[in-house]
Amino acid sequence: MTAQTETAATASGSCCGGSASAGSCQDQGAAGVTAVYRVSGMTCGHCEGAVAAEISALAGVTSAVASASAGTVTVVSAAPLDEEAVRAAVDEAGYELTGAA
């Protein structure tokens, strides 16, 4: 239930918390595995930053970019991530992961 595409690793981060939900569909490519999750509760850049920061702290994550307007977070990692670990990170930020995008 997630969209995955190969992308070059990019960095992003911010400072905000909220409610997030995400699912994951992971594609593995030369630049890593990309997974897009749905996150509920983000309303601003601060929210995006909080979600991205928590997910970026997970082992193997090279990029996490959250979009409040789309209600998603795109994660690039060296290997597929455990969805429960991503869910816990989103919960820690104060949001709800609702599934894969």
PDB file of N, CA and C in Angstrom:
ATOM      1  N   MET A   1       0.811  -1.185   0.000  1.00  0.00           N
ATOM      2  CA  MET A   1       0.000   0.000   0.000  1.00  0.00           C
ATOM      3  C   MET A   1       0.854   1.249   0.000  1.00  0.00           C
ATOM      4  N   THR A   2       2.118   1.106  -0.372  1.00  0.00           N
ATOM      5  CA  THR A   2       2.974   2.276  -0.421  1.00  0.00           C
ATOM      6  C   THR A   2       3.551   2.400  -1.811  1.00  0.00           C
ATOM      7  N   ALA A   3       3.917   3.606  -2.148  1.00  0.00           N
ATOM      8  CA  ALA A   3       4.540   3.846  -3.439  1.00  0.00           C
ATOM      9  C   ALA A   3       6.035   3.884  -3.237  1.00  0.00           C
ATOM     10  N   GLN A   4       6.760   3.229  -4.117  1.00  0.00           N
ATOM     11  CA  GLN A   4       8.201   3.187  -3.980  1.00  0.00           C
ATOM     12  C   GLN A   4       8.835   3.536  -5.310  1.00  0.00           C
ATOM     13  N   THR A   5       9.872   4.319  -5.217  1.00  0.00           N
ATOM     14  CA  THR A   5      10.614   4.655  -6.412  1.00  0.00           C
ATOM     15  C   THR A   5      12.074   4.771  -6.058  1.00  0.00           C
ATOM     16  N   GLU A   6      12.932   4.584  -7.047  1.00  0.00           N
ATOM     17  CA  GLU A   6      14.351   4.766  -6.820  1.00  0.00           C
ATOM     18  C   GLU A   6      14.652   6.245  -6.873  1.00  0.00           C
ATOM     19  N   THR A   7      15.390   6.719  -5.884  1.00  0.00           N
ATOM     20  CA  THR A   7      15.786   8.112  -5.869  1.00  0.00           C
ATOM     21  C   THR A   7      17.159   8.230  -5.268  1.00  0.00           C
ATOM     22  N   ALA A   8      17.819   9.309  -5.578  1.00  0.00           N
ATOM     23  CA  ALA A   8      19.097   9.587  -4.956  1.00  0.00           C
ATOM     24  C   ALA A   8      18.825  10.014  -3.530  1.00  0.00           C
ATOM     25  N   ALA A   9      19.756   9.718  -2.663  1.00  0.00           N
ATOM     26  CA  ALA A   9      19.581  10.082  -1.260  1.00  0.00           C
ATOM     27  C   ALA A   9      19.608  11.590  -1.107  1.00  0.00           C
ATOM     28  N   THR A  10      18.646  12.091  -0.342  1.00  0.00           N
ATOM     29  CA  THR A  10      18.608  13.513  -0.046  1.00  0.00           C
ATOM     30  C   THR A  10      18.401  13.680   1.440  1.00  0.00           C
ATOM     31  N   ALA A  11      18.807  14.792   1.956  1.00  0.00           N
ATOM     32  CA  ALA A  11      18.672  15.020   3.387  1.00  0.00           C
ATOM     33  C   ALA A  11      17.596  16.051   3.642  1.00  0.00           C
ATOM     34  N   SER A  12      16.879  15.833   4.715  1.00  0.00           N
ATOM     35  CA  SER A  12      15.917  16.833   5.127  1.00  0.00           C
ATOM     36  C   SER A  12      15.648  16.656   6.599  1.00  0.00           C
ATOM     37  N   GLY A  13      15.161  17.694   7.226  1.00  0.00           N
ATOM     38  CA  GLY A  13      14.852  17.599   8.635  1.00  0.00           C
ATOM     39  C   GLY A  13      14.167  18.854   9.086  1.00  0.00           C
ATOM     40  N   SER A  14      13.565  18.793  10.267  1.00  0.00           N
ATOM     41  CA  SER A  14      12.858  19.936  10.787  1.00  0.00           C
ATOM     42  C   SER A  14      12.539  19.686  12.230  1.00  0.00           C
ATOM     43  N   CYS A  15      11.870  20.630  12.856  1.00  0.00           N
ATOM     44  CA  CYS A  15      11.532  20.470  14.266  1.00  0.00           C
ATOM     45  C   CYS A  15      10.052  20.686  14.494  1.00  0.00           C
ATOM     46  N   CYS A  16       9.291  19.609  14.587  1.00  0.00           N
ATOM     47  CA  CYS A  16       7.878  19.763  14.874  1.00  0.00           C
ATOM     48  C   CYS A  16       7.297  18.410  15.169  1.00  0.00           C
ATOM     49  N   GLY A  17       6.209  18.380  15.846  1.00  0.00           N
ATOM     50  CA  GLY A  17       5.564  17.119  16.165  1.00  0.00           C
ATOM     51  C   GLY A  17       4.133  17.147  15.720  1.00  0.00           C
ATOM     52  N   GLY A  18       3.542  15.974  15.636  1.00  0.00           N
ATOM     53  CA  GLY A  18       2.163  15.922  15.226  1.00  0.00           C
ATOM     54  C   GLY A  18       1.675  14.510  15.188  1.00  0.00           C
ATOM     55  N   SER A  19       0.612  14.265  14.472  1.00  0.00           N
ATOM     56  CA  SER A  19       0.041  12.939  14.341  1.00  0.00           C
ATOM     57  C   SER A  19       0.327  12.434  12.955  1.00  0.00           C
ATOM     58  N   ALA A  20       0.883  11.228  12.858  1.00  0.00           N
ATOM     59  CA  ALA A  20       1.256  10.727  11.559  1.00  0.00           C
ATOM     60  C   ALA A  20       0.802   9.302  11.361  1.00  0.00           C
ATOM     61  N   SER A  21       0.570   8.958  10.141  1.00  0.00           N
ATOM     62  CA  SER A  21       0.232   7.597   9.795  1.00  0.00           C
ATOM     63  C   SER A  21       0.935   7.260   8.513  1.00  0.00           C
ATOM     64  N   ALA A  22       1.446   6.037   8.409  1.00  0.00           N
ATOM     65  CA  ALA A  22       2.159   5.707   7.200  1.00  0.00           C
ATOM     66  C   ALA A  22       2.111   4.228   6.933  1.00  0.00           C
ATOM     67  N   GLY A  23       2.245   3.874   5.691  1.00  0.00           N
ATOM     68  CA  GLY A  23       2.376   2.503   5.277  1.00  0.00           C
ATOM     69  C   GLY A  23       3.598   2.459   4.425  1.00  0.00           C
ATOM     70  N   SER A  24       4.028   1.252   4.057  1.00  0.00           N
ATOM     71  CA  SER A  24       5.237   1.282   3.280  1.00  0.00           C
ATOM     72  C   SER A  24       5.229   0.293   2.154  1.00  0.00           C
ATOM     73  N   CYS A  25       5.649   0.759   1.022  1.00  0.00           N
ATOM     74  CA  CYS A  25       5.882  -0.069  -0.135  1.00  0.00           C
ATOM     75  C   CYS A  25       7.287   0.308  -0.522  1.00  0.00           C
ATOM     76  N   GLN A  26       8.168  -0.642  -0.591  1.00  0.00           N
ATOM     77  CA  GLN A  26       9.561  -0.267  -0.726  1.00  0.00           C
ATOM     78  C   GLN A  26      10.157  -0.777  -2.021  1.00  0.00           C
ATOM     79  N   ASP A  27      10.811   0.127  -2.752  1.00  0.00           N
ATOM     80  CA  ASP A  27      11.540  -0.224  -3.960  1.00  0.00           C
ATOM     81  C   ASP A  27      13.003  -0.179  -3.622  1.00  0.00           C
ATOM     82  N   GLN A  28      13.739  -1.127  -4.162  1.00  0.00           N
ATOM     83  CA  GLN A  28      15.161  -1.140  -3.883  1.00  0.00           C
ATOM     84  C   GLN A  28      15.893  -0.813  -5.167  1.00  0.00           C
ATOM     85  N   GLY A  29      16.777   0.168  -5.116  1.00  0.00           N
ATOM     86  CA  GLY A  29      17.531   0.579  -6.280  1.00  0.00           C
ATOM     87  C   GLY A  29      18.938   0.942  -5.892  1.00  0.00           C
ATOM     88  N   ALA A  30      19.673   1.471  -6.844  1.00  0.00           N
ATOM     89  CA  ALA A  30      21.064   1.828  -6.614  1.00  0.00           C
ATOM     90  C   ALA A  30      21.201   2.849  -5.496  1.00  0.00           C
ATOM     91  N   ALA A  31      20.238   3.738  -5.354  1.00  0.00           N
ATOM     92  CA  ALA A  31      20.318   4.787  -4.337  1.00  0.00           C
ATOM     93  C   ALA A  31      19.701   4.349  -3.019  1.00  0.00           C
ATOM     94  N   GLY A  32      19.131   3.167  -2.968  1.00  0.00           N
ATOM     95  CA  GLY A  32      18.509   2.685  -1.750  1.00  0.00           C
ATOM     96  C   GLY A  32      17.060   2.315  -1.966  1.00  0.00           C
ATOM     97  N   VAL A  33      16.376   2.113  -0.856  1.00  0.00           N
ATOM     98  CA  VAL A  33      14.968   1.731  -0.865  1.00  0.00           C
ATOM     99  C   VAL A  33      14.142   2.964  -0.526  1.00  0.00           C
ATOM    100  N   THR A  34      13.152   3.248  -1.347  1.00  0.00           N
ATOM    101  CA  THR A  34      12.278   4.393  -1.094  1.00  0.00           C
ATOM    102  C   THR A  34      10.885   3.890  -0.737  1.00  0.00           C
ATOM    103  N   ALA A  35      10.357   4.400   0.359  1.00  0.00           N
ATOM    104  CA  ALA A  35       9.007   4.040   0.792  1.00  0.00           C
ATOM    105  C   ALA A  35       8.242   5.319   1.112  1.00  0.00           C
ATOM    106  N   VAL A  36       6.969   5.341   0.760  1.00  0.00           N
ATOM    107  CA  VAL A  36       6.118   6.495   1.043  1.00  0.00           C
ATOM    108  C   VAL A  36       5.008   6.038   1.983  1.00  0.00           C
ATOM    109  N   TYR A  37       4.841   6.774   3.076  1.00  0.00           N
ATOM    110  CA  TYR A  37       3.853   6.447   4.094  1.00  0.00           C
ATOM    111  C   TYR A  37       2.863   7.598   4.242  1.00  0.00           C
ATOM    112  N   ARG A  38       1.647   7.279   4.629  1.00  0.00           N
ATOM    113  CA  ARG A  38       0.635   8.295   4.938  1.00  0.00           C
ATOM    114  C   ARG A  38       0.730   8.623   6.422  1.00  0.00           C
ATOM    115  N   VAL A  39       0.727   9.921   6.708  1.00  0.00           N
ATOM    116  CA  VAL A  39       0.824  10.385   8.089  1.00  0.00           C
ATOM    117  C   VAL A  39      -0.304  11.384   8.334  1.00  0.00           C
ATOM    118  N   SER A  40      -1.056  11.184   9.388  1.00  0.00           N
ATOM    119  CA  SER A  40      -2.150  12.107   9.671  1.00  0.00           C
ATOM    120  C   SER A  40      -1.772  13.062  10.791  1.00  0.00           C
ATOM    121  N   GLY A  41      -2.295  14.274  10.700  1.00  0.00           N
ATOM    122  CA  GLY A  41      -2.114  15.258  11.754  1.00  0.00           C
ATOM    123  C   GLY A  41      -1.114  16.357  11.472  1.00  0.00           C
ATOM    124  N   MET A  42      -0.318  16.239  10.423  1.00  0.00           N
ATOM    125  CA  MET A  42       0.659  17.290  10.120  1.00  0.00           C
ATOM    126  C   MET A  42      -0.063  18.481   9.506  1.00  0.00           C
ATOM    127  N   THR A  43       0.269  19.690   9.986  1.00  0.00           N
ATOM    128  CA  THR A  43      -0.387  20.890   9.464  1.00  0.00           C
ATOM    129  C   THR A  43       0.582  21.968   9.004  1.00  0.00           C
ATOM    130  N   CYS A  44       1.878  21.819   9.316  1.00  0.00           N
ATOM    131  CA  CYS A  44       2.820  22.894   9.001  1.00  0.00           C
ATOM    132  C   CYS A  44       4.238  22.354   8.844  1.00  0.00           C
ATOM    133  N   GLY A  45       5.140  23.253   8.530  1.00  0.00           N
ATOM    134  CA  GLY A  45       6.546  22.899   8.374  1.00  0.00           C
ATOM    135  C   GLY A  45       7.159  22.344   9.643  1.00  0.00           C
ATOM    136  N   HIS A  46       6.701  22.837  10.769  1.00  0.00           N
ATOM    137  CA  HIS A  46       7.218  22.326  12.043  1.00  0.00           C
ATOM    138  C   HIS A  46       6.826  20.864  12.219  1.00  0.00           C
ATOM    139  N   CYS A  47       5.622  20.524  11.861  1.00  0.00           N
ATOM    140  CA  CYS A  47       5.147  19.142  11.911  1.00  0.00           C
ATOM    141  C   CYS A  47       5.993  18.265  10.989  1.00  0.00           C
ATOM    142  N   GLU A  48       6.214  18.763   9.782  1.00  0.00           N
ATOM    143  CA  GLU A  48       7.029  18.030   8.816  1.00  0.00           C
ATOM    144  C   GLU A  48       8.407  17.745   9.393  1.00  0.00           C
ATOM    145  N   GLY A  49       8.992  18.753  10.019  1.00  0.00           N
ATOM    146  CA  GLY A  49      10.326  18.606  10.589  1.00  0.00           C
ATOM    147  C   GLY A  49      10.378  17.593  11.707  1.00  0.00           C
ATOM    148  N   ALA A  50       9.361  17.582  12.545  1.00  0.00           N
ATOM    149  CA  ALA A  50       9.328  16.646  13.669  1.00  0.00           C
ATOM    150  C   ALA A  50       9.257  15.205  13.172  1.00  0.00           C
ATOM    151  N   VAL A  51       8.397  14.961  12.189  1.00  0.00           N
ATOM    152  CA  VAL A  51       8.256  13.619  11.629  1.00  0.00           C
ATOM    153  C   VAL A  51       9.553  13.199  10.939  1.00  0.00           C
ATOM    154  N   ALA A  52      10.097  14.081  10.114  1.00  0.00           N
ATOM    155  CA  ALA A  52      11.332  13.769   9.395  1.00  0.00           C
ATOM    156  C   ALA A  52      12.482  13.506  10.357  1.00  0.00           C
ATOM    157  N   ALA A  53      12.581  14.284  11.419  1.00  0.00           N
ATOM    158  CA  ALA A  53      13.671  14.118  12.383  1.00  0.00           C
ATOM    159  C   ALA A  53      13.588  12.769  13.090  1.00  0.00           C
ATOM    160  N   GLU A  54      12.411  12.377  13.514  1.00  0.00           N
ATOM    161  CA  GLU A  54      12.259  11.091  14.213  1.00  0.00           C
ATOM    162  C   GLU A  54      12.579   9.921  13.288  1.00  0.00           C
ATOM    163  N   ILE A  55      12.087   9.976  12.055  1.00  0.00           N
ATOM    164  CA  ILE A  55      12.355   8.883  11.116  1.00  0.00           C
ATOM    165  C   ILE A  55      13.821   8.870  10.710  1.00  0.00           C
ATOM    166  N   SER A  56      14.421  10.043  10.548  1.00  0.00           N
ATOM    167  CA  SER A  56      15.837  10.128  10.168  1.00  0.00           C
ATOM    168  C   SER A  56      16.746   9.490  11.203  1.00  0.00           C
ATOM    169  N   ALA A  57      16.288   9.411  12.449  1.00  0.00           N
ATOM    170  CA  ALA A  57      17.088   8.821  13.517  1.00  0.00           C
ATOM    171  C   ALA A  57      17.116   7.291  13.455  1.00  0.00           C
ATOM    172  N   LEU A  58      16.269   6.685  12.635  1.00  0.00           N
ATOM    173  CA  LEU A  58      16.257   5.232  12.513  1.00  0.00           C
ATOM    174  C   LEU A  58      17.500   4.751  11.774  1.00  0.00           C
ATOM    175  N   ALA A  59      18.033   3.628  12.189  1.00  0.00           N
ATOM    176  CA  ALA A  59      19.226   3.053  11.557  1.00  0.00           C
ATOM    177  C   ALA A  59      18.971   2.787  10.080  1.00  0.00           C
ATOM    178  N   GLY A  60      19.906   3.212   9.239  1.00  0.00           N
ATOM    179  CA  GLY A  60      19.831   2.958   7.809  1.00  0.00           C
ATOM    180  C   GLY A  60      19.108   4.009   6.993  1.00  0.00           C
ATOM    181  N   VAL A  61      18.425   4.944   7.648  1.00  0.00           N
ATOM    182  CA  VAL A  61      17.685   5.975   6.912  1.00  0.00           C
ATOM    183  C   VAL A  61      18.659   7.027   6.397  1.00  0.00           C
ATOM    184  N   THR A  62      18.596   7.306   5.095  1.00  0.00           N
ATOM    185  CA  THR A  62      19.457   8.326   4.493  1.00  0.00           C
ATOM    186  C   THR A  62      18.695   9.607   4.187  1.00  0.00           C
ATOM    187  N   SER A  63      17.364   9.522   4.127  1.00  0.00           N
ATOM    188  CA  SER A  63      16.551  10.700   3.843  1.00  0.00           C
ATOM    189  C   SER A  63      15.124  10.466   4.317  1.00  0.00           C
ATOM    190  N   ALA A  64      14.543  11.517   4.892  1.00  0.00           N
ATOM    191  CA  ALA A  64      13.125  11.481   5.260  1.00  0.00           C
ATOM    192  C   ALA A  64      12.561  12.863   4.967  1.00  0.00           C
ATOM    193  N   VAL A  65      11.579  12.922   4.080  1.00  0.00           N
ATOM    194  CA  VAL A  65      10.975  14.191   3.687  1.00  0.00           C
ATOM    195  C   VAL A  65       9.467  14.090   3.893  1.00  0.00           C
ATOM    196  N   ALA A  66       8.957  14.907   4.809  1.00  0.00           N
ATOM    197  CA  ALA A  66       7.527  14.906   5.106  1.00  0.00           C
ATOM    198  C   ALA A  66       6.841  16.062   4.390  1.00  0.00           C
ATOM    199  N   SER A  67       5.592  15.846   4.009  1.00  0.00           N
ATOM    200  CA  SER A  67       4.784  16.878   3.357  1.00  0.00           C
ATOM    201  C   SER A  67       3.444  16.977   4.076  1.00  0.00           C
ATOM    202  N   ALA A  68       3.242  18.079   4.786  1.00  0.00           N
ATOM    203  CA  ALA A  68       1.975  18.283   5.488  1.00  0.00           C
ATOM    204  C   ALA A  68       0.818  18.379   4.498  1.00  0.00           C
ATOM    205  N   SER A  69       1.029  19.060   3.379  1.00  0.00           N
ATOM    206  CA  SER A  69      -0.051  19.246   2.410  1.00  0.00           C
ATOM    207  C   SER A  69      -0.491  17.931   1.775  1.00  0.00           C
ATOM    208  N   ALA A  70       0.454  17.026   1.559  1.00  0.00           N
ATOM    209  CA  ALA A  70       0.125  15.727   0.973  1.00  0.00           C
ATOM    210  C   ALA A  70      -0.217  14.692   2.038  1.00  0.00           C
ATOM    211  N   GLY A  71       0.193  14.951   3.273  1.00  0.00           N
ATOM    212  CA  GLY A  71      -0.029  13.986   4.341  1.00  0.00           C
ATOM    213  C   GLY A  71       0.823  12.748   4.198  1.00  0.00           C
ATOM    214  N   THR A  72       2.054  12.944   3.696  1.00  0.00           N
ATOM    215  CA  THR A  72       2.945  11.807   3.470  1.00  0.00           C
ATOM    216  C   THR A  72       4.347  12.084   3.989  1.00  0.00           C
ATOM    217  N   VAL A  73       5.098  11.012   4.118  1.00  0.00           N
ATOM    218  CA  VAL A  73       6.531  11.112   4.372  1.00  0.00           C
ATOM    219  C   VAL A  73       7.205  10.114   3.438  1.00  0.00           C
ATOM    220  N   THR A  74       8.230  10.582   2.731  1.00  0.00           N
ATOM    221  CA  THR A  74       8.993   9.746   1.817  1.00  0.00           C
ATOM    222  C   THR A  74      10.316   9.433   2.488  1.00  0.00           C
ATOM    223  N   VAL A  75      10.617   8.147   2.597  1.00  0.00           N
ATOM    224  CA  VAL A  75      11.802   7.702   3.320  1.00  0.00           C
ATOM    225  C   VAL A  75      12.708   6.915   2.382  1.00  0.00           C
ATOM    226  N   VAL A  76      13.993   7.273   2.361  1.00  0.00           N
ATOM    227  CA  VAL A  76      14.994   6.531   1.609  1.00  0.00           C
ATOM    228  C   VAL A  76      15.910   5.885   2.634  1.00  0.00           C
ATOM    229  N   SER A  77      16.148   4.586   2.459  1.00  0.00           N
ATOM    230  CA  SER A  77      16.992   3.855   3.400  1.00  0.00           C
ATOM    231  C   SER A  77      17.874   2.864   2.656  1.00  0.00           C
ATOM    232  N   ALA A  78      18.919   2.420   3.340  1.00  0.00           N
ATOM    233  CA  ALA A  78      19.862   1.481   2.747  1.00  0.00           C
ATOM    234  C   ALA A  78      19.210   0.119   2.507  1.00  0.00           C
ATOM    235  N   ALA A  79      18.265  -0.249   3.344  1.00  0.00           N
ATOM    236  CA  ALA A  79      17.563  -1.529   3.246  1.00  0.00           C
ATOM    237  C   ALA A  79      16.110  -1.292   3.662  1.00  0.00           C
ATOM    238  N   PRO A  80      15.228  -2.219   3.332  1.00  0.00           N
ATOM    239  CA  PRO A  80      13.829  -2.057   3.741  1.00  0.00           C
ATOM    240  C   PRO A  80      13.721  -1.872   5.259  1.00  0.00           C
ATOM    241  N   LEU A  81      12.831  -0.988   5.669  1.00  0.00           N
ATOM    242  CA  LEU A  81      12.636  -0.704   7.086  1.00  0.00           C
ATOM    243  C   LEU A  81      11.485  -1.525   7.648  1.00  0.00           C
ATOM    244  N   ASP A  82      11.557  -1.792   8.933  1.00  0.00           N
ATOM    245  CA  ASP A  82      10.469  -2.437   9.645  1.00  0.00           C
ATOM    246  C   ASP A  82       9.367  -1.396   9.829  1.00  0.00           C
ATOM    247  N   GLU A  83       8.178  -1.678   9.332  1.00  0.00           N
ATOM    248  CA  GLU A  83       7.091  -0.694   9.403  1.00  0.00           C
ATOM    249  C   GLU A  83       6.767  -0.316  10.842  1.00  0.00           C
ATOM    250  N   GLU A  84       6.890  -1.256  11.764  1.00  0.00           N
ATOM    251  CA  GLU A  84       6.603  -0.944  13.166  1.00  0.00           C
ATOM    252  C   GLU A  84       7.605   0.062  13.727  1.00  0.00           C
ATOM    253  N   ALA A  85       8.853   0.016  13.267  1.00  0.00           N
ATOM    254  CA  ALA A  85       9.854   0.994  13.704  1.00  0.00           C
ATOM    255  C   ALA A  85       9.503   2.378  13.175  1.00  0.00           C
ATOM    256  N   VAL A  86       9.045   2.433  11.928  1.00  0.00           N
ATOM    257  CA  VAL A  86       8.631   3.708  11.341  1.00  0.00           C
ATOM    258  C   VAL A  86       7.400   4.229  12.078  1.00  0.00           C
ATOM    259  N   ARG A  87       6.469   3.342  12.360  1.00  0.00           N
ATOM    260  CA  ARG A  87       5.249   3.724  13.089  1.00  0.00           C
ATOM    261  C   ARG A  87       5.609   4.297  14.458  1.00  0.00           C
ATOM    262  N   ALA A  88       6.543   3.650  15.157  1.00  0.00           N
ATOM    263  CA  ALA A  88       6.960   4.120  16.481  1.00  0.00           C
ATOM    264  C   ALA A  88       7.605   5.499  16.390  1.00  0.00           C
ATOM    265  N   ALA A  89       8.400   5.733  15.341  1.00  0.00           N
ATOM    266  CA  ALA A  89       9.047   7.036  15.160  1.00  0.00           C
ATOM    267  C   ALA A  89       8.004   8.123  14.913  1.00  0.00           C
ATOM    268  N   VAL A  90       7.023   7.819  14.089  1.00  0.00           N
ATOM    269  CA  VAL A  90       5.955   8.784  13.800  1.00  0.00           C
ATOM    270  C   VAL A  90       5.145   9.058  15.069  1.00  0.00           C
ATOM    271  N   ASP A  91       4.861   8.004  15.819  1.00  0.00           N
ATOM    272  CA  ASP A  91       4.140   8.166  17.090  1.00  0.00           C
ATOM    273  C   ASP A  91       4.934   9.050  18.042  1.00  0.00           C
ATOM    274  N   GLU A  92       6.245   8.844  18.100  1.00  0.00           N
ATOM    275  CA  GLU A  92       7.109   9.637  18.979  1.00  0.00           C
ATOM    276  C   GLU A  92       7.050  11.120  18.607  1.00  0.00           C
ATOM    277  N   ALA A  93       6.892  11.393  17.318  1.00  0.00           N
ATOM    278  CA  ALA A  93       6.785  12.779  16.852  1.00  0.00           C
ATOM    279  C   ALA A  93       5.413  13.372  17.183  1.00  0.00           C
ATOM    280  N   GLY A  94       4.467  12.514  17.540  1.00  0.00           N
ATOM    281  CA  GLY A  94       3.141  13.000  17.905  1.00  0.00           C
ATOM    282  C   GLY A  94       2.098  12.869  16.814  1.00  0.00           C
ATOM    283  N   TYR A  95       2.368  12.039  15.825  1.00  0.00           N
ATOM    284  CA  TYR A  95       1.454  11.867  14.702  1.00  0.00           C
ATOM    285  C   TYR A  95       1.083  10.402  14.550  1.00  0.00           C
ATOM    286  N   GLU A  96       0.247  10.113  13.564  1.00  0.00           N
ATOM    287  CA  GLU A  96      -0.210   8.746  13.349  1.00  0.00           C
ATOM    288  C   GLU A  96       0.140   8.277  11.946  1.00  0.00           C
ATOM    289  N   LEU A  97       0.805   7.136  11.870  1.00  0.00           N
ATOM    290  CA  LEU A  97       1.094   6.511  10.595  1.00  0.00           C
ATOM    291  C   LEU A  97      -0.157   5.722  10.216  1.00  0.00           C
ATOM    292  N   THR A  98      -0.740   6.030   9.063  1.00  0.00           N
ATOM    293  CA  THR A  98      -1.998   5.384   8.689  1.00  0.00           C
ATOM    294  C   THR A  98      -1.835   4.310   7.637  1.00  0.00           C
ATOM    295  N   GLY A  99      -0.690   4.196   7.042  1.00  0.00           N
ATOM    296  CA  GLY A  99      -0.466   3.159   6.047  1.00  0.00           C
ATOM    297  C   GLY A  99       0.454   3.620   4.944  1.00  0.00           C
ATOM    298  N   ALA A 100       0.585   2.752   3.974  1.00  0.00           N
ATOM    299  CA  ALA A 100       1.423   3.054   2.824  1.00  0.00           C
ATOM    300  C   ALA A 100       0.680   3.983   1.875  1.00  0.00           C
ATOM    301  N   ALA A 101       1.421   4.832   1.223  1.00  0.00           N
ATOM    302  CA  ALA A 101       0.810   5.771   0.282  1.00  0.00           C
ATOM    303  C   ALA A 101       0.715   5.144  -1.091  1.00  0.00           C
TER     304      ALA A 101
END
